[in-house]
């Protein structure tokens, strides 16, 4: 399975916004392995603003080492990365 970093590496020189065809063409030009190309072929045919959007649309998680429980806790936190004294309590 393709990793988030791999997708970003093979699309690093792509100019955005870019469509699905542009994304595939760039990945092929950069010599992406078959698993990356397979993930990119499954993309919806829309314009992408950056490589992160491409990877998320391909269903690749940015941090697969983060467990389901930790992801759920992060989703419940309405103000991630904001100091406690800045939050409304």
N, C-alpha and C. Protein backbone atom coordinates (compact mmCIF):
# COMPACT_ATOMS: atom_id res chain seq x y z
N UNK A 1 0.84 -1.18 0.00
CA UNK A 1 0.00 0.00 0.00
C UNK A 1 0.89 1.25 0.00
N UNK A 2 0.45 2.24 -0.71
CA UNK A 2 1.19 3.50 -0.82
C UNK A 2 1.13 4.27 0.50
N UNK A 3 2.21 4.95 0.81
CA UNK A 3 2.23 5.75 2.03
C UNK A 3 2.01 7.23 1.66
N UNK A 4 1.65 7.98 2.66
CA UNK A 4 1.41 9.41 2.50
C UNK A 4 2.66 10.11 1.97
N UNK A 5 3.81 9.79 2.58
CA UNK A 5 5.08 10.40 2.17
C UNK A 5 5.45 10.05 0.73
N UNK A 6 5.16 8.81 0.33
CA UNK A 6 5.47 8.41 -1.06
C UNK A 6 4.68 9.24 -2.06
N UNK A 7 3.39 9.38 -1.79
CA UNK A 7 2.54 10.16 -2.70
C UNK A 7 3.07 11.58 -2.82
N UNK A 8 3.39 12.18 -1.68
CA UNK A 8 3.89 13.56 -1.70
C UNK A 8 5.24 13.65 -2.42
N UNK A 9 6.07 12.65 -2.25
CA UNK A 9 7.40 12.66 -2.90
C UNK A 9 7.26 12.65 -4.42
N UNK A 10 6.38 11.83 -4.96
CA UNK A 10 6.25 11.73 -6.41
C UNK A 10 5.46 12.88 -7.02
N UNK A 11 4.85 13.69 -6.19
CA UNK A 11 4.09 14.85 -6.69
C UNK A 11 4.73 16.17 -6.27
N UNK A 12 5.96 16.13 -5.79
CA UNK A 12 6.59 17.32 -5.22
C UNK A 12 6.80 18.45 -6.22
N UNK A 13 6.98 18.14 -7.49
CA UNK A 13 7.23 19.20 -8.47
C UNK A 13 5.99 19.57 -9.29
N UNK A 14 4.83 19.05 -8.90
CA UNK A 14 3.59 19.33 -9.62
C UNK A 14 3.07 20.71 -9.26
N UNK A 15 2.64 21.46 -10.27
CA UNK A 15 2.03 22.78 -10.05
C UNK A 15 0.54 22.59 -9.79
N UNK A 16 0.07 23.20 -8.71
CA UNK A 16 -1.34 23.11 -8.33
C UNK A 16 -2.03 24.43 -8.61
N UNK A 17 -3.32 24.44 -8.83
CA UNK A 17 -4.25 23.32 -8.81
C UNK A 17 -3.99 22.38 -9.99
N UNK A 18 -4.29 21.11 -9.75
CA UNK A 18 -4.04 20.09 -10.76
C UNK A 18 -5.19 19.09 -10.76
N UNK A 19 -5.54 18.62 -11.92
CA UNK A 19 -6.58 17.62 -12.07
C UNK A 19 -6.02 16.22 -11.92
N UNK A 20 -6.90 15.25 -11.94
CA UNK A 20 -6.50 13.85 -11.80
C UNK A 20 -5.50 13.45 -12.88
N UNK A 21 -5.74 13.84 -14.12
CA UNK A 21 -4.84 13.48 -15.22
C UNK A 21 -3.45 14.07 -15.00
N UNK A 22 -3.40 15.29 -14.52
CA UNK A 22 -2.10 15.93 -14.23
C UNK A 22 -1.36 15.19 -13.12
N UNK A 23 -2.10 14.79 -12.09
CA UNK A 23 -1.51 14.07 -10.96
C UNK A 23 -0.92 12.75 -11.44
N UNK A 24 -1.69 11.99 -12.21
CA UNK A 24 -1.20 10.71 -12.74
C UNK A 24 0.01 10.89 -13.65
N UNK A 25 -0.06 11.86 -14.52
CA UNK A 25 1.04 12.12 -15.45
C UNK A 25 2.32 12.44 -14.70
N UNK A 26 2.22 13.27 -13.67
CA UNK A 26 3.40 13.65 -12.88
C UNK A 26 3.97 12.45 -12.13
N UNK A 27 3.10 11.65 -11.53
CA UNK A 27 3.57 10.48 -10.78
C UNK A 27 4.26 9.48 -11.71
N UNK A 28 3.71 9.28 -12.89
CA UNK A 28 4.34 8.38 -13.86
C UNK A 28 5.68 8.94 -14.32
N UNK A 29 5.73 10.24 -14.57
CA UNK A 29 6.97 10.88 -15.01
C UNK A 29 8.07 10.76 -13.95
N UNK A 30 7.67 10.83 -12.68
CA UNK A 30 8.62 10.75 -11.57
C UNK A 30 8.99 9.31 -11.22
N UNK A 31 8.37 8.33 -11.90
CA UNK A 31 8.71 6.93 -11.66
C UNK A 31 8.07 6.33 -10.42
N UNK A 32 6.84 6.71 -10.13
CA UNK A 32 6.15 6.19 -8.96
C UNK A 32 5.92 4.68 -9.10
N UNK A 33 6.02 3.95 -7.99
CA UNK A 33 5.80 2.50 -8.02
C UNK A 33 4.33 2.16 -8.28
N UNK A 34 4.06 0.92 -8.66
CA UNK A 34 2.69 0.51 -9.00
C UNK A 34 1.65 0.76 -7.91
N UNK A 35 2.01 0.59 -6.63
CA UNK A 35 1.01 0.81 -5.58
C UNK A 35 0.60 2.27 -5.46
N UNK A 36 1.52 3.18 -5.72
CA UNK A 36 1.20 4.61 -5.70
C UNK A 36 0.31 4.95 -6.90
N UNK A 37 0.67 4.44 -8.07
CA UNK A 37 -0.13 4.71 -9.27
C UNK A 37 -1.54 4.13 -9.12
N UNK A 38 -1.66 2.97 -8.51
CA UNK A 38 -2.97 2.36 -8.30
C UNK A 38 -3.84 3.25 -7.42
N UNK A 39 -3.25 3.78 -6.34
CA UNK A 39 -3.99 4.67 -5.44
C UNK A 39 -4.41 5.95 -6.16
N UNK A 40 -3.53 6.48 -7.01
CA UNK A 40 -3.84 7.72 -7.72
C UNK A 40 -4.87 7.51 -8.82
N UNK A 41 -4.89 6.34 -9.43
CA UNK A 41 -5.91 6.05 -10.46
C UNK A 41 -7.31 6.00 -9.87
N UNK A 42 -7.41 5.72 -8.58
CA UNK A 42 -8.71 5.64 -7.91
C UNK A 42 -9.23 7.01 -7.47
N UNK A 43 -8.48 8.07 -7.72
CA UNK A 43 -8.90 9.42 -7.32
C UNK A 43 -10.15 9.86 -8.06
N UNK A 44 -10.99 10.65 -7.39
CA UNK A 44 -12.10 11.28 -8.09
C UNK A 44 -11.58 12.31 -9.09
N UNK A 45 -12.26 12.51 -10.21
CA UNK A 45 -11.79 13.46 -11.23
C UNK A 45 -12.13 14.91 -10.88
N UNK A 46 -11.41 15.47 -9.92
CA UNK A 46 -11.60 16.86 -9.51
C UNK A 46 -10.26 17.57 -9.53
N UNK A 47 -10.26 18.88 -9.32
CA UNK A 47 -9.02 19.63 -9.20
C UNK A 47 -8.55 19.60 -7.75
N UNK A 48 -7.25 19.43 -7.56
CA UNK A 48 -6.66 19.35 -6.24
C UNK A 48 -5.80 20.58 -5.99
N UNK A 49 -5.89 21.13 -4.78
CA UNK A 49 -5.17 22.35 -4.43
C UNK A 49 -3.72 22.06 -4.03
N UNK A 50 -3.45 20.84 -3.53
CA UNK A 50 -2.10 20.50 -3.08
C UNK A 50 -1.96 18.99 -2.93
N UNK A 51 -0.75 18.54 -2.62
CA UNK A 51 -0.49 17.12 -2.48
C UNK A 51 -1.21 16.48 -1.32
N UNK A 52 -1.44 17.24 -0.26
CA UNK A 52 -2.18 16.70 0.88
C UNK A 52 -3.59 16.32 0.50
N UNK A 53 -4.24 17.16 -0.32
CA UNK A 53 -5.58 16.83 -0.79
C UNK A 53 -5.57 15.56 -1.63
N UNK A 54 -4.54 15.41 -2.45
CA UNK A 54 -4.43 14.22 -3.29
C UNK A 54 -4.33 12.98 -2.41
N UNK A 55 -3.43 13.00 -1.44
CA UNK A 55 -3.23 11.84 -0.57
C UNK A 55 -4.49 11.51 0.23
N UNK A 56 -5.16 12.53 0.76
CA UNK A 56 -6.39 12.28 1.52
C UNK A 56 -7.47 11.72 0.62
N UNK A 57 -7.59 12.23 -0.60
CA UNK A 57 -8.60 11.73 -1.53
C UNK A 57 -8.32 10.30 -1.94
N UNK A 58 -7.04 9.92 -1.93
CA UNK A 58 -6.67 8.54 -2.26
C UNK A 58 -6.90 7.61 -1.07
N UNK A 59 -7.31 8.15 0.06
CA UNK A 59 -7.59 7.34 1.23
C UNK A 59 -6.36 6.95 2.01
N UNK A 60 -5.29 7.72 1.87
CA UNK A 60 -4.05 7.42 2.57
C UNK A 60 -3.97 8.30 3.81
N UNK A 61 -3.75 7.68 4.95
CA UNK A 61 -3.70 8.41 6.21
C UNK A 61 -2.33 9.06 6.40
N UNK A 62 -2.34 10.26 6.93
CA UNK A 62 -1.09 10.98 7.16
C UNK A 62 -0.28 10.36 8.29
N UNK A 63 -0.94 9.86 9.29
CA UNK A 63 -0.25 9.28 10.44
C UNK A 63 -0.88 7.93 10.78
N UNK A 64 -0.54 6.88 10.03
CA UNK A 64 -1.17 5.58 10.29
C UNK A 64 -0.81 5.01 11.66
N UNK A 65 0.25 5.52 12.32
CA UNK A 65 0.62 5.00 13.63
C UNK A 65 -0.29 5.52 14.73
N UNK A 66 -1.13 6.51 14.42
CA UNK A 66 -2.08 7.02 15.40
C UNK A 66 -3.27 6.08 15.43
N UNK A 67 -3.60 5.61 16.62
CA UNK A 67 -4.69 4.65 16.76
C UNK A 67 -6.06 5.27 16.66
N UNK A 68 -7.07 4.41 16.56
CA UNK A 68 -8.45 4.89 16.44
C UNK A 68 -8.89 5.68 17.67
N UNK A 69 -8.48 5.23 18.84
CA UNK A 69 -8.86 5.92 20.08
C UNK A 69 -8.25 7.33 20.12
N UNK A 70 -6.99 7.44 19.71
CA UNK A 70 -6.35 8.75 19.72
C UNK A 70 -6.98 9.67 18.68
N UNK A 71 -7.33 9.14 17.50
CA UNK A 71 -8.00 9.95 16.49
C UNK A 71 -9.35 10.45 16.99
N UNK A 72 -10.08 9.58 17.69
CA UNK A 72 -11.38 9.97 18.24
C UNK A 72 -11.21 11.07 19.28
N UNK A 73 -10.20 10.96 20.12
CA UNK A 73 -9.95 11.99 21.13
C UNK A 73 -9.59 13.31 20.46
N UNK A 74 -8.81 13.26 19.39
CA UNK A 74 -8.45 14.49 18.67
C UNK A 74 -9.67 15.11 18.02
N UNK A 75 -10.57 14.29 17.51
CA UNK A 75 -11.78 14.81 16.87
C UNK A 75 -12.70 15.48 17.88
N UNK A 76 -12.70 14.97 19.13
CA UNK A 76 -13.55 15.58 20.16
C UNK A 76 -13.00 16.90 20.65
N UNK A 77 -11.70 17.10 20.54
CA UNK A 77 -11.07 18.34 20.99
C UNK A 77 -11.37 19.42 19.97
N UNK A 78 -12.18 20.38 20.34
CA UNK A 78 -12.61 21.40 19.38
C UNK A 78 -11.54 22.43 19.09
N UNK A 79 -10.49 22.49 19.88
CA UNK A 79 -9.45 23.49 19.69
C UNK A 79 -8.07 22.83 19.75
N UNK A 80 -7.73 22.03 18.76
CA UNK A 80 -6.40 21.41 18.82
C UNK A 80 -5.30 22.46 18.70
N UNK A 81 -4.22 22.23 19.38
CA UNK A 81 -3.03 23.07 19.34
C UNK A 81 -3.25 24.48 19.88
N UNK A 82 -4.24 24.65 20.73
CA UNK A 82 -4.48 25.94 21.35
C UNK A 82 -4.23 25.78 22.84
N UNK A 83 -3.45 26.66 23.42
CA UNK A 83 -3.15 26.57 24.84
C UNK A 83 -4.41 26.62 25.69
N UNK A 84 -4.35 25.96 26.82
CA UNK A 84 -5.51 25.90 27.70
C UNK A 84 -5.97 27.29 28.12
N UNK A 85 -5.04 28.22 28.36
CA UNK A 85 -5.44 29.54 28.84
C UNK A 85 -6.11 30.37 27.72
N UNK A 86 -5.98 29.93 26.46
CA UNK A 86 -6.61 30.65 25.35
C UNK A 86 -8.02 30.13 25.09
N UNK A 87 -8.28 28.90 25.48
CA UNK A 87 -9.59 28.29 25.25
C UNK A 87 -10.64 28.89 26.16
N UNK A 88 -11.85 28.90 25.66
CA UNK A 88 -12.97 29.29 26.52
C UNK A 88 -13.33 28.11 27.39
N UNK A 89 -13.42 28.34 28.66
CA UNK A 89 -13.71 27.25 29.59
C UNK A 89 -15.06 27.48 30.20
